[in-house]
Amino acid sequence: MFTRGRSPFAYLKPLRASLFLSANPDDVRDALAAGFPAARVLPVETPRAASRYADEIRIVFDGDAVLFSDEAERVFQSDGLTAFVDHETGKRDSPLPGGSLKPLLAALNKLQRIADDHDDQPMHIRTALVTARSAPAHERAIRTLMAWDIDEAMFLGGLDKGEFLREFKPDFFFDDQIRHCESARGISPTTGHVLSGIANAS
């Protein structure tokens, strides 16, 4: 869509878009407010070499405020780590509500099912969750993800995400916190800052 500088997000509904990417943060916020999965793409100074996984598209999502709602993150921000752990262990049997990019994961799963039905298309989509969560707050996320059909999940307990991304070699990485996006630049060819949730409220 070429709109001569006007915001293109209004065309997402008729396009049946599953993802809106832009370098313009205002357009991304408007798309998110309209209910579409969206992220601000961060520029990469040095393009990364092509993936060694030629038949695979690898996509990594953060958890809270990206794949999941920011319900638990709000508890953490307002009341601290102990309250967060208590909140998540108390709700371990309740699925986490979907976040901004949950519809994108659903669309990717649908694409993979279509590709699997056609033997002549050797494409595979590999998805992963890379989150700062750790035990015991991981159980609710795992129960949720089992129903959402994700390939891998990494619970880092605050470790830097960059080293794990370097091993996974994603084609796309989405996170709501700019510091994690910055650590992924140069590792992932496309890093998307998801401007949603309490971490981006200001």
N, C-alpha and C. Protein backbone atom coordinates (compact mmCIF):
# COMPACT_ATOMS: atom_id res chain seq x y z
N MET A 1 0.85 -1.18 0.00
CA MET A 1 0.00 0.00 0.00
C MET A 1 0.89 1.23 0.00
N PHE A 2 0.68 2.12 -0.94
CA PHE A 2 1.36 3.41 -0.98
C PHE A 2 0.31 4.48 -0.74
N THR A 3 0.49 5.24 0.32
CA THR A 3 -0.57 6.18 0.73
C THR A 3 -0.09 7.62 0.81
N ARG A 4 1.06 7.94 0.20
CA ARG A 4 1.61 9.30 0.20
C ARG A 4 1.72 9.88 1.61
N GLY A 5 2.21 9.05 2.52
CA GLY A 5 2.45 9.51 3.88
C GLY A 5 1.27 9.37 4.82
N ARG A 6 0.09 9.07 4.29
CA ARG A 6 -1.07 8.88 5.17
C ARG A 6 -1.00 7.50 5.81
N SER A 7 -1.59 7.39 6.98
CA SER A 7 -1.53 6.14 7.72
C SER A 7 -2.25 5.02 6.96
N PRO A 8 -1.57 3.89 6.72
CA PRO A 8 -2.18 2.81 5.94
C PRO A 8 -2.95 1.79 6.76
N PHE A 9 -2.95 1.93 8.11
CA PHE A 9 -3.52 0.86 8.93
C PHE A 9 -5.01 0.67 8.68
N ALA A 10 -5.71 1.69 8.18
CA ALA A 10 -7.15 1.56 7.94
C ALA A 10 -7.46 0.50 6.87
N TYR A 11 -6.48 0.17 6.05
CA TYR A 11 -6.68 -0.83 4.99
C TYR A 11 -6.46 -2.26 5.49
N LEU A 12 -6.06 -2.42 6.74
CA LEU A 12 -5.75 -3.76 7.24
C LEU A 12 -6.97 -4.68 7.25
N LYS A 13 -8.12 -4.15 7.61
CA LYS A 13 -9.31 -4.99 7.67
C LYS A 13 -9.69 -5.53 6.29
N PRO A 14 -9.82 -4.67 5.25
CA PRO A 14 -10.17 -5.24 3.94
C PRO A 14 -9.07 -6.15 3.37
N LEU A 15 -7.82 -5.94 3.80
CA LEU A 15 -6.74 -6.82 3.35
C LEU A 15 -6.71 -8.15 4.11
N ARG A 16 -7.50 -8.22 5.20
CA ARG A 16 -7.48 -9.39 6.08
C ARG A 16 -6.06 -9.66 6.59
N ALA A 17 -5.39 -8.60 6.96
CA ALA A 17 -3.99 -8.66 7.38
C ALA A 17 -3.84 -9.36 8.72
N SER A 18 -2.77 -10.14 8.83
CA SER A 18 -2.44 -10.81 10.09
C SER A 18 -1.29 -10.12 10.81
N LEU A 19 -0.62 -9.17 10.15
CA LEU A 19 0.50 -8.47 10.76
C LEU A 19 0.72 -7.15 10.05
N PHE A 20 0.95 -6.09 10.84
CA PHE A 20 1.29 -4.78 10.30
C PHE A 20 2.66 -4.39 10.85
N LEU A 21 3.62 -4.17 9.95
CA LEU A 21 4.96 -3.74 10.33
C LEU A 21 5.21 -2.36 9.75
N SER A 22 5.81 -1.49 10.56
CA SER A 22 6.12 -0.14 10.11
C SER A 22 7.26 0.40 10.95
N ALA A 23 8.03 1.33 10.39
CA ALA A 23 9.05 2.04 11.16
C ALA A 23 8.43 3.22 11.89
N ASN A 24 7.17 3.53 11.58
CA ASN A 24 6.48 4.67 12.18
C ASN A 24 5.72 4.22 13.44
N PRO A 25 6.17 4.65 14.63
CA PRO A 25 5.51 4.18 15.86
C PRO A 25 4.06 4.62 15.99
N ASP A 26 3.70 5.78 15.45
CA ASP A 26 2.31 6.23 15.53
C ASP A 26 1.39 5.32 14.73
N ASP A 27 1.83 4.90 13.54
CA ASP A 27 1.04 3.97 12.74
C ASP A 27 0.87 2.63 13.44
N VAL A 28 1.94 2.18 14.10
CA VAL A 28 1.88 0.91 14.81
C VAL A 28 0.89 1.00 15.97
N ARG A 29 0.95 2.10 16.73
CA ARG A 29 0.00 2.27 17.84
C ARG A 29 -1.45 2.32 17.33
N ASP A 30 -1.67 3.00 16.20
CA ASP A 30 -3.01 3.07 15.63
C ASP A 30 -3.50 1.69 15.21
N ALA A 31 -2.62 0.89 14.61
CA ALA A 31 -2.99 -0.46 14.18
C ALA A 31 -3.31 -1.33 15.39
N LEU A 32 -2.49 -1.24 16.44
CA LEU A 32 -2.76 -2.00 17.65
C LEU A 32 -4.08 -1.59 18.29
N ALA A 33 -4.33 -0.28 18.32
CA ALA A 33 -5.58 0.23 18.90
C ALA A 33 -6.79 -0.25 18.10
N ALA A 34 -6.60 -0.48 16.80
CA ALA A 34 -7.68 -0.98 15.95
C ALA A 34 -7.81 -2.50 16.04
N GLY A 35 -6.95 -3.15 16.86
CA GLY A 35 -7.07 -4.59 17.07
C GLY A 35 -6.26 -5.47 16.15
N PHE A 36 -5.25 -4.90 15.47
CA PHE A 36 -4.43 -5.69 14.55
C PHE A 36 -3.06 -5.97 15.15
N PRO A 37 -2.51 -7.16 14.94
CA PRO A 37 -1.14 -7.43 15.36
C PRO A 37 -0.20 -6.47 14.63
N ALA A 38 0.67 -5.80 15.38
CA ALA A 38 1.54 -4.79 14.76
C ALA A 38 2.80 -4.63 15.58
N ALA A 39 3.88 -4.21 14.90
CA ALA A 39 5.15 -3.95 15.58
C ALA A 39 5.93 -2.89 14.81
N ARG A 40 6.74 -2.15 15.55
CA ARG A 40 7.64 -1.17 14.94
C ARG A 40 8.93 -1.88 14.59
N VAL A 41 9.30 -1.86 13.32
CA VAL A 41 10.51 -2.53 12.87
C VAL A 41 11.71 -1.65 13.18
N LEU A 42 12.71 -2.25 13.82
CA LEU A 42 13.93 -1.52 14.12
C LEU A 42 14.92 -1.69 12.98
N PRO A 43 15.58 -0.62 12.57
CA PRO A 43 16.55 -0.73 11.47
C PRO A 43 17.76 -1.55 11.90
N VAL A 44 18.32 -2.27 10.96
CA VAL A 44 19.52 -3.07 11.19
C VAL A 44 20.64 -2.44 10.38
N GLU A 45 21.75 -2.10 11.06
CA GLU A 45 22.86 -1.44 10.37
C GLU A 45 23.61 -2.39 9.45
N THR A 46 23.82 -3.62 9.92
CA THR A 46 24.54 -4.61 9.11
C THR A 46 23.63 -5.81 8.89
N PRO A 47 23.19 -6.04 7.66
CA PRO A 47 22.30 -7.17 7.41
C PRO A 47 22.96 -8.49 7.82
N ARG A 48 22.17 -9.36 8.42
CA ARG A 48 22.66 -10.67 8.82
C ARG A 48 22.71 -11.59 7.62
N ALA A 49 23.63 -12.53 7.65
CA ALA A 49 23.72 -13.51 6.57
C ALA A 49 22.43 -14.32 6.48
N ALA A 50 22.15 -14.84 5.31
CA ALA A 50 20.94 -15.63 5.11
C ALA A 50 20.92 -16.81 6.05
N SER A 51 19.73 -17.17 6.48
CA SER A 51 19.57 -18.28 7.42
C SER A 51 20.07 -19.57 6.79
N ARG A 52 20.65 -20.43 7.63
CA ARG A 52 21.08 -21.73 7.11
C ARG A 52 19.91 -22.69 7.02
N TYR A 53 18.73 -22.24 7.43
CA TYR A 53 17.52 -23.04 7.36
C TYR A 53 16.68 -22.56 6.18
N ALA A 54 17.04 -23.00 5.00
CA ALA A 54 16.44 -22.47 3.77
C ALA A 54 14.96 -22.80 3.65
N ASP A 55 14.51 -23.92 4.23
CA ASP A 55 13.11 -24.33 4.10
C ASP A 55 12.30 -24.02 5.35
N GLU A 56 12.81 -23.11 6.18
CA GLU A 56 12.15 -22.85 7.45
C GLU A 56 12.11 -21.34 7.72
N ILE A 57 10.98 -20.88 8.19
CA ILE A 57 10.85 -19.51 8.68
C ILE A 57 10.79 -19.61 10.19
N ARG A 58 11.69 -18.92 10.88
CA ARG A 58 11.77 -19.01 12.34
C ARG A 58 11.32 -17.69 12.97
N ILE A 59 10.34 -17.79 13.85
CA ILE A 59 9.75 -16.60 14.47
C ILE A 59 9.74 -16.77 15.98
N VAL A 60 10.29 -15.77 16.68
CA VAL A 60 10.35 -15.79 18.14
C VAL A 60 9.46 -14.68 18.70
N PHE A 61 8.66 -15.05 19.69
CA PHE A 61 7.78 -14.11 20.39
C PHE A 61 8.19 -14.01 21.85
N ASP A 62 8.09 -12.81 22.40
CA ASP A 62 8.11 -12.64 23.85
C ASP A 62 6.73 -13.07 24.36
N GLY A 63 6.61 -13.21 25.67
CA GLY A 63 5.34 -13.64 26.24
C GLY A 63 4.42 -12.50 26.62
N ASP A 64 4.59 -11.96 27.82
CA ASP A 64 3.67 -10.96 28.35
C ASP A 64 3.65 -9.70 27.50
N ALA A 65 2.44 -9.28 27.12
CA ALA A 65 2.16 -8.10 26.29
C ALA A 65 2.47 -8.33 24.81
N VAL A 66 2.88 -9.54 24.45
CA VAL A 66 3.11 -9.87 23.04
C VAL A 66 2.21 -11.06 22.67
N LEU A 67 2.59 -12.29 23.06
CA LEU A 67 1.70 -13.43 22.83
C LEU A 67 0.57 -13.45 23.84
N PHE A 68 0.90 -13.09 25.10
CA PHE A 68 -0.10 -13.05 26.16
C PHE A 68 -0.50 -11.61 26.43
N SER A 69 -1.61 -11.41 27.10
CA SER A 69 -1.97 -10.06 27.53
C SER A 69 -0.94 -9.60 28.56
N ASP A 70 -0.99 -8.34 28.94
CA ASP A 70 -0.03 -7.85 29.94
C ASP A 70 -0.60 -7.90 31.36
N GLU A 71 -1.62 -8.73 31.56
CA GLU A 71 -2.25 -8.88 32.88
C GLU A 71 -1.21 -9.15 33.97
N ALA A 72 -0.35 -10.15 33.76
CA ALA A 72 0.64 -10.52 34.77
C ALA A 72 1.74 -9.45 34.87
N GLU A 73 2.12 -8.86 33.76
CA GLU A 73 3.14 -7.80 33.77
C GLU A 73 2.68 -6.60 34.58
N ARG A 74 1.39 -6.31 34.53
CA ARG A 74 0.85 -5.20 35.32
C ARG A 74 0.98 -5.48 36.83
N VAL A 75 0.76 -6.73 37.21
CA VAL A 75 0.93 -7.11 38.61
C VAL A 75 2.39 -6.94 39.01
N PHE A 76 3.29 -7.39 38.15
CA PHE A 76 4.73 -7.26 38.42
C PHE A 76 5.14 -5.80 38.56
N GLN A 77 4.69 -4.96 37.62
CA GLN A 77 5.07 -3.54 37.64
C GLN A 77 4.53 -2.82 38.87
N SER A 78 3.32 -3.16 39.29
CA SER A 78 2.71 -2.42 40.41
C SER A 78 3.09 -2.99 41.78
N ASP A 79 3.26 -4.33 41.88
CA ASP A 79 3.43 -4.94 43.20
C ASP A 79 4.70 -5.76 43.39
N GLY A 80 5.49 -5.93 42.33
CA GLY A 80 6.77 -6.62 42.47
C GLY A 80 6.73 -8.10 42.12
N LEU A 81 7.93 -8.71 42.22
CA LEU A 81 8.13 -10.09 41.77
C LEU A 81 7.35 -11.10 42.61
N THR A 82 7.32 -10.93 43.92
CA THR A 82 6.59 -11.89 44.77
C THR A 82 5.11 -11.92 44.43
N ALA A 83 4.53 -10.73 44.24
CA ALA A 83 3.11 -10.65 43.88
C ALA A 83 2.87 -11.27 42.51
N PHE A 84 3.79 -11.06 41.57
CA PHE A 84 3.69 -11.66 40.24
C PHE A 84 3.68 -13.18 40.34
N VAL A 85 4.62 -13.75 41.08
CA VAL A 85 4.69 -15.20 41.23
C VAL A 85 3.43 -15.74 41.89
N ASP A 86 2.97 -15.06 42.95
CA ASP A 86 1.74 -15.49 43.62
C ASP A 86 0.54 -15.44 42.66
N HIS A 87 0.47 -14.38 41.88
CA HIS A 87 -0.62 -14.21 40.91
C HIS A 87 -0.61 -15.35 39.90
N GLU A 88 0.55 -15.66 39.35
CA GLU A 88 0.65 -16.68 38.30
C GLU A 88 0.49 -18.10 38.85
N THR A 89 1.01 -18.38 40.03
CA THR A 89 0.82 -19.73 40.58
C THR A 89 -0.63 -19.93 41.02
N GLY A 90 -1.26 -18.87 41.50
CA GLY A 90 -2.67 -18.96 41.88
C GLY A 90 -3.59 -19.18 40.70
N LYS A 91 -3.14 -18.75 39.52
CA LYS A 91 -3.96 -18.90 38.30
C LYS A 91 -3.37 -19.92 37.33
N ARG A 92 -2.54 -20.82 37.84
CA ARG A 92 -1.82 -21.74 36.94
C ARG A 92 -2.75 -22.58 36.08
N ASP A 93 -3.99 -22.83 36.53
CA ASP A 93 -4.93 -23.62 35.74
C ASP A 93 -5.79 -22.79 34.79
N SER A 94 -5.63 -21.46 34.85
CA SER A 94 -6.40 -20.55 33.98
C SER A 94 -5.53 -20.13 32.81
N PRO A 95 -5.97 -20.36 31.59
CA PRO A 95 -5.16 -19.94 30.43
C PRO A 95 -4.92 -18.44 30.45
N LEU A 96 -3.75 -18.03 29.99
CA LEU A 96 -3.46 -16.62 29.84
C LEU A 96 -4.27 -16.05 28.69
N PRO A 97 -4.81 -14.85 28.84
CA PRO A 97 -5.50 -14.22 27.70
C PRO A 97 -4.50 -13.90 26.59
N GLY A 98 -4.99 -13.89 25.37
CA GLY A 98 -4.13 -13.58 24.23
C GLY A 98 -3.68 -12.14 24.21
N GLY A 99 -2.48 -11.92 23.71
CA GLY A 99 -1.92 -10.58 23.57
C GLY A 99 -2.01 -10.08 22.15
N SER A 100 -1.30 -9.00 21.87
CA SER A 100 -1.38 -8.32 20.57
C SER A 100 -1.04 -9.21 19.39
N LEU A 101 -0.06 -10.11 19.55
CA LEU A 101 0.37 -10.93 18.42
C LEU A 101 -0.17 -12.37 18.45
N LYS A 102 -1.07 -12.66 19.36
CA LYS A 102 -1.70 -13.98 19.37
C LYS A 102 -2.39 -14.28 18.04
N PRO A 103 -3.11 -13.32 17.41
CA PRO A 103 -3.71 -13.62 16.10
C PRO A 103 -2.67 -13.96 15.03
N LEU A 104 -1.47 -13.39 15.14
CA LEU A 104 -0.42 -13.73 14.18
C LEU A 104 0.01 -15.18 14.36
N LEU A 105 0.17 -15.62 15.60
CA LEU A 105 0.52 -17.02 15.83
C LEU A 105 -0.55 -17.95 15.26
N ALA A 106 -1.81 -17.60 15.45
CA ALA A 106 -2.91 -18.41 14.90
C ALA A 106 -2.84 -18.46 13.38
N ALA A 107 -2.53 -17.33 12.75
CA ALA A 107 -2.41 -17.29 11.28
C ALA A 107 -1.22 -18.12 10.81
N LEU A 108 -0.11 -18.08 11.53
CA LEU A 108 1.07 -18.89 11.17
C LEU A 108 0.76 -20.38 11.29
N ASN A 109 0.03 -20.75 12.34
CA ASN A 109 -0.35 -22.16 12.50
C ASN A 109 -1.25 -22.61 11.35
N LYS A 110 -2.14 -21.73 10.92
CA LYS A 110 -3.02 -22.06 9.79
C LYS A 110 -2.20 -22.24 8.51
N LEU A 111 -1.24 -21.34 8.27
CA LEU A 111 -0.37 -21.47 7.10
C LEU A 111 0.41 -22.78 7.13
N GLN A 112 0.89 -23.16 8.31
CA GLN A 112 1.65 -24.40 8.42
C GLN A 112 0.77 -25.60 8.12
N ARG A 113 -0.47 -25.59 8.60
CA ARG A 113 -1.38 -26.70 8.31
C ARG A 113 -1.63 -26.81 6.80
N ILE A 114 -1.79 -25.67 6.12
CA ILE A 114 -1.99 -25.68 4.67
C ILE A 114 -0.76 -26.26 3.98
N ALA A 115 0.44 -25.82 4.40
CA ALA A 115 1.68 -26.33 3.80
C ALA A 115 1.83 -27.82 4.05
N ASP A 116 1.46 -28.28 5.24
CA ASP A 116 1.57 -29.71 5.56
C ASP A 116 0.66 -30.56 4.70
N ASP A 117 -0.45 -29.98 4.23
CA ASP A 117 -1.39 -30.71 3.38
C ASP A 117 -0.93 -30.81 1.94
N HIS A 118 0.13 -30.08 1.61
CA HIS A 118 0.66 -30.08 0.24
C HIS A 118 2.11 -30.53 0.28
N ASP A 119 2.35 -31.78 -0.08
CA ASP A 119 3.70 -32.35 -0.01
C ASP A 119 4.68 -31.64 -0.91
N ASP A 120 4.21 -30.95 -1.95
CA ASP A 120 5.10 -30.29 -2.90
C ASP A 120 5.63 -28.95 -2.37
N GLN A 121 5.18 -28.53 -1.18
CA GLN A 121 5.63 -27.27 -0.59
C GLN A 121 6.45 -27.57 0.67
N PRO A 122 7.80 -27.59 0.55
CA PRO A 122 8.62 -27.99 1.70
C PRO A 122 8.86 -26.85 2.70
N MET A 123 7.89 -25.99 2.89
CA MET A 123 8.06 -24.88 3.81
C MET A 123 7.64 -25.28 5.21
N HIS A 124 8.39 -24.79 6.20
CA HIS A 124 8.01 -25.05 7.58
C HIS A 124 8.15 -23.75 8.37
N ILE A 125 7.20 -23.49 9.23
CA ILE A 125 7.24 -22.34 10.12
C ILE A 125 7.55 -22.86 11.52
N ARG A 126 8.63 -22.36 12.10
CA ARG A 126 9.03 -22.78 13.45
C ARG A 126 8.86 -21.59 14.38
N THR A 127 8.07 -21.76 15.43
CA THR A 127 7.79 -20.67 16.35
C THR A 127 8.35 -20.99 17.74
N ALA A 128 8.70 -19.92 18.45
CA ALA A 128 9.24 -20.10 19.80
C ALA A 128 8.81 -18.94 20.68
N LEU A 129 8.65 -19.25 21.95
CA LEU A 129 8.46 -18.25 22.99
C LEU A 129 9.80 -18.12 23.71
N VAL A 130 10.30 -16.90 23.85
CA VAL A 130 11.49 -16.63 24.66
C VAL A 130 11.07 -15.56 25.66
N THR A 131 11.00 -15.96 26.93
CA THR A 131 10.45 -15.08 27.95
C THR A 131 11.34 -15.03 29.19
N ALA A 132 11.25 -13.94 29.91
CA ALA A 132 12.00 -13.78 31.16
C ALA A 132 11.37 -14.57 32.29
N ARG A 133 10.19 -15.12 32.10
CA ARG A 133 9.55 -15.92 33.15
C ARG A 133 10.45 -17.10 33.54
N SER A 134 10.24 -17.58 34.77
CA SER A 134 10.92 -18.79 35.23
C SER A 134 9.99 -19.50 36.20
N ALA A 135 10.43 -20.67 36.68
CA ALA A 135 9.62 -21.42 37.65
C ALA A 135 9.47 -20.59 38.92
N PRO A 136 8.30 -20.60 39.55
CA PRO A 136 7.11 -21.39 39.24
C PRO A 136 6.10 -20.66 38.34
N ALA A 137 6.44 -19.47 37.84
CA ALA A 137 5.49 -18.70 37.02
C ALA A 137 5.41 -19.21 35.59
N HIS A 138 6.15 -20.26 35.27
CA HIS A 138 6.15 -20.80 33.91
C HIS A 138 4.96 -21.72 33.64
N GLU A 139 4.39 -22.31 34.68
CA GLU A 139 3.38 -23.36 34.49
C GLU A 139 2.15 -22.85 33.75
N ARG A 140 1.68 -21.67 34.12
CA ARG A 140 0.50 -21.11 33.45
C ARG A 140 0.79 -20.87 31.97
N ALA A 141 1.98 -20.37 31.67
CA ALA A 141 2.36 -20.14 30.28
C ALA A 141 2.44 -21.45 29.49
N ILE A 142 3.01 -22.49 30.09
CA ILE A 142 3.12 -23.77 29.41
C ILE A 142 1.74 -24.35 29.11
N ARG A 143 0.85 -24.30 30.09
CA ARG A 143 -0.51 -24.83 29.87
C ARG A 143 -1.21 -24.07 28.75
N THR A 144 -0.99 -22.77 28.69
CA THR A 144 -1.59 -21.95 27.63
C THR A 144 -1.01 -22.32 26.27
N LEU A 145 0.32 -22.43 26.21
CA LEU A 145 0.99 -22.70 24.94
C LEU A 145 0.68 -24.08 24.38
N MET A 146 0.40 -25.03 25.24
CA MET A 146 0.05 -26.38 24.77
C MET A 146 -1.18 -26.34 23.88
N ALA A 147 -2.09 -25.42 24.16
CA ALA A 147 -3.29 -25.29 23.35
C ALA A 147 -3.06 -24.40 22.13
N TRP A 148 -1.96 -23.66 22.12
CA TRP A 148 -1.71 -22.70 21.04
C TRP A 148 -0.76 -23.21 19.97
N ASP A 149 -0.21 -24.40 20.13
CA ASP A 149 0.61 -25.02 19.09
C ASP A 149 1.85 -24.19 18.77
N ILE A 150 2.76 -24.07 19.74
CA ILE A 150 4.04 -23.39 19.52
C ILE A 150 5.13 -24.46 19.61
N ASP A 151 6.21 -24.29 18.85
CA ASP A 151 7.22 -25.34 18.75
C ASP A 151 8.16 -25.41 19.94
N GLU A 152 8.62 -24.26 20.43
CA GLU A 152 9.59 -24.25 21.52
C GLU A 152 9.23 -23.15 22.51
N ALA A 153 9.66 -23.34 23.75
CA ALA A 153 9.49 -22.31 24.78
C ALA A 153 10.74 -22.28 25.64
N MET A 154 11.25 -21.08 25.87
CA MET A 154 12.45 -20.89 26.68
C MET A 154 12.12 -19.92 27.81
N PHE A 155 12.29 -20.38 29.05
CA PHE A 155 12.01 -19.58 30.24
C PHE A 155 13.36 -19.20 30.85
N LEU A 156 13.74 -17.94 30.69
CA LEU A 156 15.12 -17.53 30.95
C LEU A 156 15.38 -16.99 32.35
N GLY A 157 14.34 -16.70 33.11
CA GLY A 157 14.57 -16.22 34.46
C GLY A 157 15.43 -14.98 34.53
N GLY A 158 15.31 -14.10 33.53
CA GLY A 158 16.05 -12.85 33.54
C GLY A 158 17.36 -12.87 32.77
N LEU A 159 17.79 -14.03 32.24
CA LEU A 159 19.01 -14.07 31.43
C LEU A 159 18.81 -13.27 30.15
N ASP A 160 19.88 -12.79 29.57
CA ASP A 160 19.81 -12.00 28.34
C ASP A 160 19.27 -12.85 27.18
N LYS A 161 18.30 -12.31 26.48
CA LYS A 161 17.67 -13.06 25.39
C LYS A 161 18.58 -13.19 24.17
N GLY A 162 19.51 -12.27 24.01
CA GLY A 162 20.35 -12.25 22.82
C GLY A 162 21.10 -13.54 22.57
N GLU A 163 21.68 -14.15 23.61
CA GLU A 163 22.44 -15.39 23.44
C GLU A 163 21.54 -16.54 22.97
N PHE A 164 20.34 -16.59 23.48
CA PHE A 164 19.41 -17.65 23.08
C PHE A 164 18.93 -17.43 21.65
N LEU A 165 18.71 -16.17 21.29
CA LEU A 165 18.31 -15.86 19.91
C LEU A 165 19.43 -16.23 18.94
N ARG A 166 20.67 -16.01 19.35
CA ARG A 166 21.81 -16.33 18.48
C ARG A 166 21.83 -17.83 18.17
N GLU A 167 21.43 -18.66 19.12
CA GLU A 167 21.39 -20.10 18.89
C GLU A 167 20.17 -20.52 18.06
N PHE A 168 19.04 -19.90 18.29
CA PHE A 168 17.81 -20.25 17.58
C PHE A 168 17.83 -19.73 16.14
N LYS A 169 18.50 -18.61 15.92
CA LYS A 169 18.62 -17.98 14.60
C LYS A 169 17.26 -17.62 13.99
N PRO A 170 16.52 -16.71 14.65
CA PRO A 170 15.19 -16.35 14.12
C PRO A 170 15.27 -15.45 12.90
N ASP A 171 14.25 -15.54 12.07
CA ASP A 171 14.07 -14.59 10.97
C ASP A 171 13.33 -13.35 11.45
N PHE A 172 12.48 -13.54 12.47
CA PHE A 172 11.71 -12.44 13.07
C PHE A 172 11.76 -12.61 14.59
N PHE A 173 11.86 -11.48 15.30
CA PHE A 173 11.79 -11.48 16.76
C PHE A 173 10.89 -10.34 17.20
N PHE A 174 9.92 -10.64 18.07
CA PHE A 174 8.97 -9.63 18.55
C PHE A 174 9.01 -9.55 20.08
N ASP A 175 9.15 -8.32 20.61
CA ASP A 175 9.19 -8.11 22.05
C ASP A 175 8.58 -6.75 22.35
N ASP A 176 7.99 -6.61 23.53
CA ASP A 176 7.39 -5.33 23.91
C ASP A 176 8.39 -4.41 24.61
N GLN A 177 9.55 -4.93 25.01
CA GLN A 177 10.52 -4.11 25.72
C GLN A 177 11.68 -3.77 24.79
N ILE A 178 11.94 -2.48 24.66
CA ILE A 178 12.93 -2.00 23.71
C ILE A 178 14.33 -2.54 24.02
N ARG A 179 14.65 -2.76 25.29
CA ARG A 179 16.00 -3.26 25.62
C ARG A 179 16.22 -4.66 25.05
N HIS A 180 15.17 -5.49 25.02
CA HIS A 180 15.31 -6.82 24.42
C HIS A 180 15.40 -6.71 22.90
N CYS A 181 14.67 -5.78 22.34
CA CYS A 181 14.75 -5.56 20.88
C CYS A 181 16.15 -5.09 20.49
N GLU A 182 16.71 -4.20 21.28
CA GLU A 182 18.06 -3.70 21.00
C GLU A 182 19.09 -4.83 21.06
N SER A 183 18.94 -5.75 22.04
CA SER A 183 19.90 -6.85 22.15
C SER A 183 19.76 -7.83 20.99
N ALA A 184 18.62 -7.82 20.31
CA ALA A 184 18.39 -8.74 19.19
C ALA A 184 18.83 -8.16 17.85
N ARG A 185 19.08 -6.86 17.79
CA ARG A 185 19.50 -6.25 16.53
C ARG A 185 20.82 -6.85 16.09
N GLY A 186 20.90 -7.24 14.83
CA GLY A 186 22.09 -7.90 14.32
C GLY A 186 22.03 -9.41 14.47
N ILE A 187 21.14 -9.91 15.34
CA ILE A 187 20.96 -11.36 15.49
C ILE A 187 19.80 -11.80 14.61
N SER A 188 18.70 -11.06 14.70
CA SER A 188 17.52 -11.35 13.89
C SER A 188 17.44 -10.34 12.75
N PRO A 189 17.23 -10.78 11.51
CA PRO A 189 17.13 -9.84 10.40
C PRO A 189 16.01 -8.83 10.59
N THR A 190 14.92 -9.23 11.25
CA THR A 190 13.81 -8.33 11.51
C THR A 190 13.45 -8.40 12.98
N THR A 191 13.57 -7.25 13.66
CA THR A 191 13.19 -7.15 15.06
C THR A 191 12.04 -6.18 15.16
N GLY A 192 10.96 -6.63 15.78
CA GLY A 192 9.77 -5.80 15.90
C GLY A 192 9.48 -5.44 17.35
N HIS A 193 9.42 -4.14 17.62
CA HIS A 193 9.07 -3.65 18.95
C HIS A 193 7.55 -3.53 19.00
N VAL A 194 6.92 -4.35 19.81
CA VAL A 194 5.46 -4.37 19.93
C VAL A 194 5.07 -3.29 20.94
N LEU A 195 4.51 -2.22 20.46
CA LEU A 195 4.24 -1.04 21.29
C LEU A 195 2.93 -1.18 22.05
N SER A 196 2.83 -2.26 22.84
CA SER A 196 1.61 -2.48 23.61
C SER A 196 1.98 -2.83 25.03
N GLY A 197 0.97 -2.84 25.89
CA GLY A 197 1.19 -3.22 27.27
C GLY A 197 1.72 -2.09 28.14
N ILE A 198 1.81 -2.38 29.42
CA ILE A 198 2.19 -1.37 30.40
C ILE A 198 3.62 -0.86 30.20
N ALA A 199 4.51 -1.69 29.64
CA ALA A 199 5.88 -1.25 29.40
C ALA A 199 5.95 -0.12 28.39
N ASN A 200 4.91 0.04 27.57
CA ASN A 200 4.88 1.09 26.54
C ASN A 200 3.78 2.11 26.79
N ALA A 201 3.31 2.18 28.03
CA ALA A 201 2.18 3.05 28.34
C ALA A 201 2.52 4.52 28.20
N SER A 202 3.77 4.90 28.43
CA SER A 202 4.09 6.34 28.35
C SER A 202 4.27 6.73 26.92
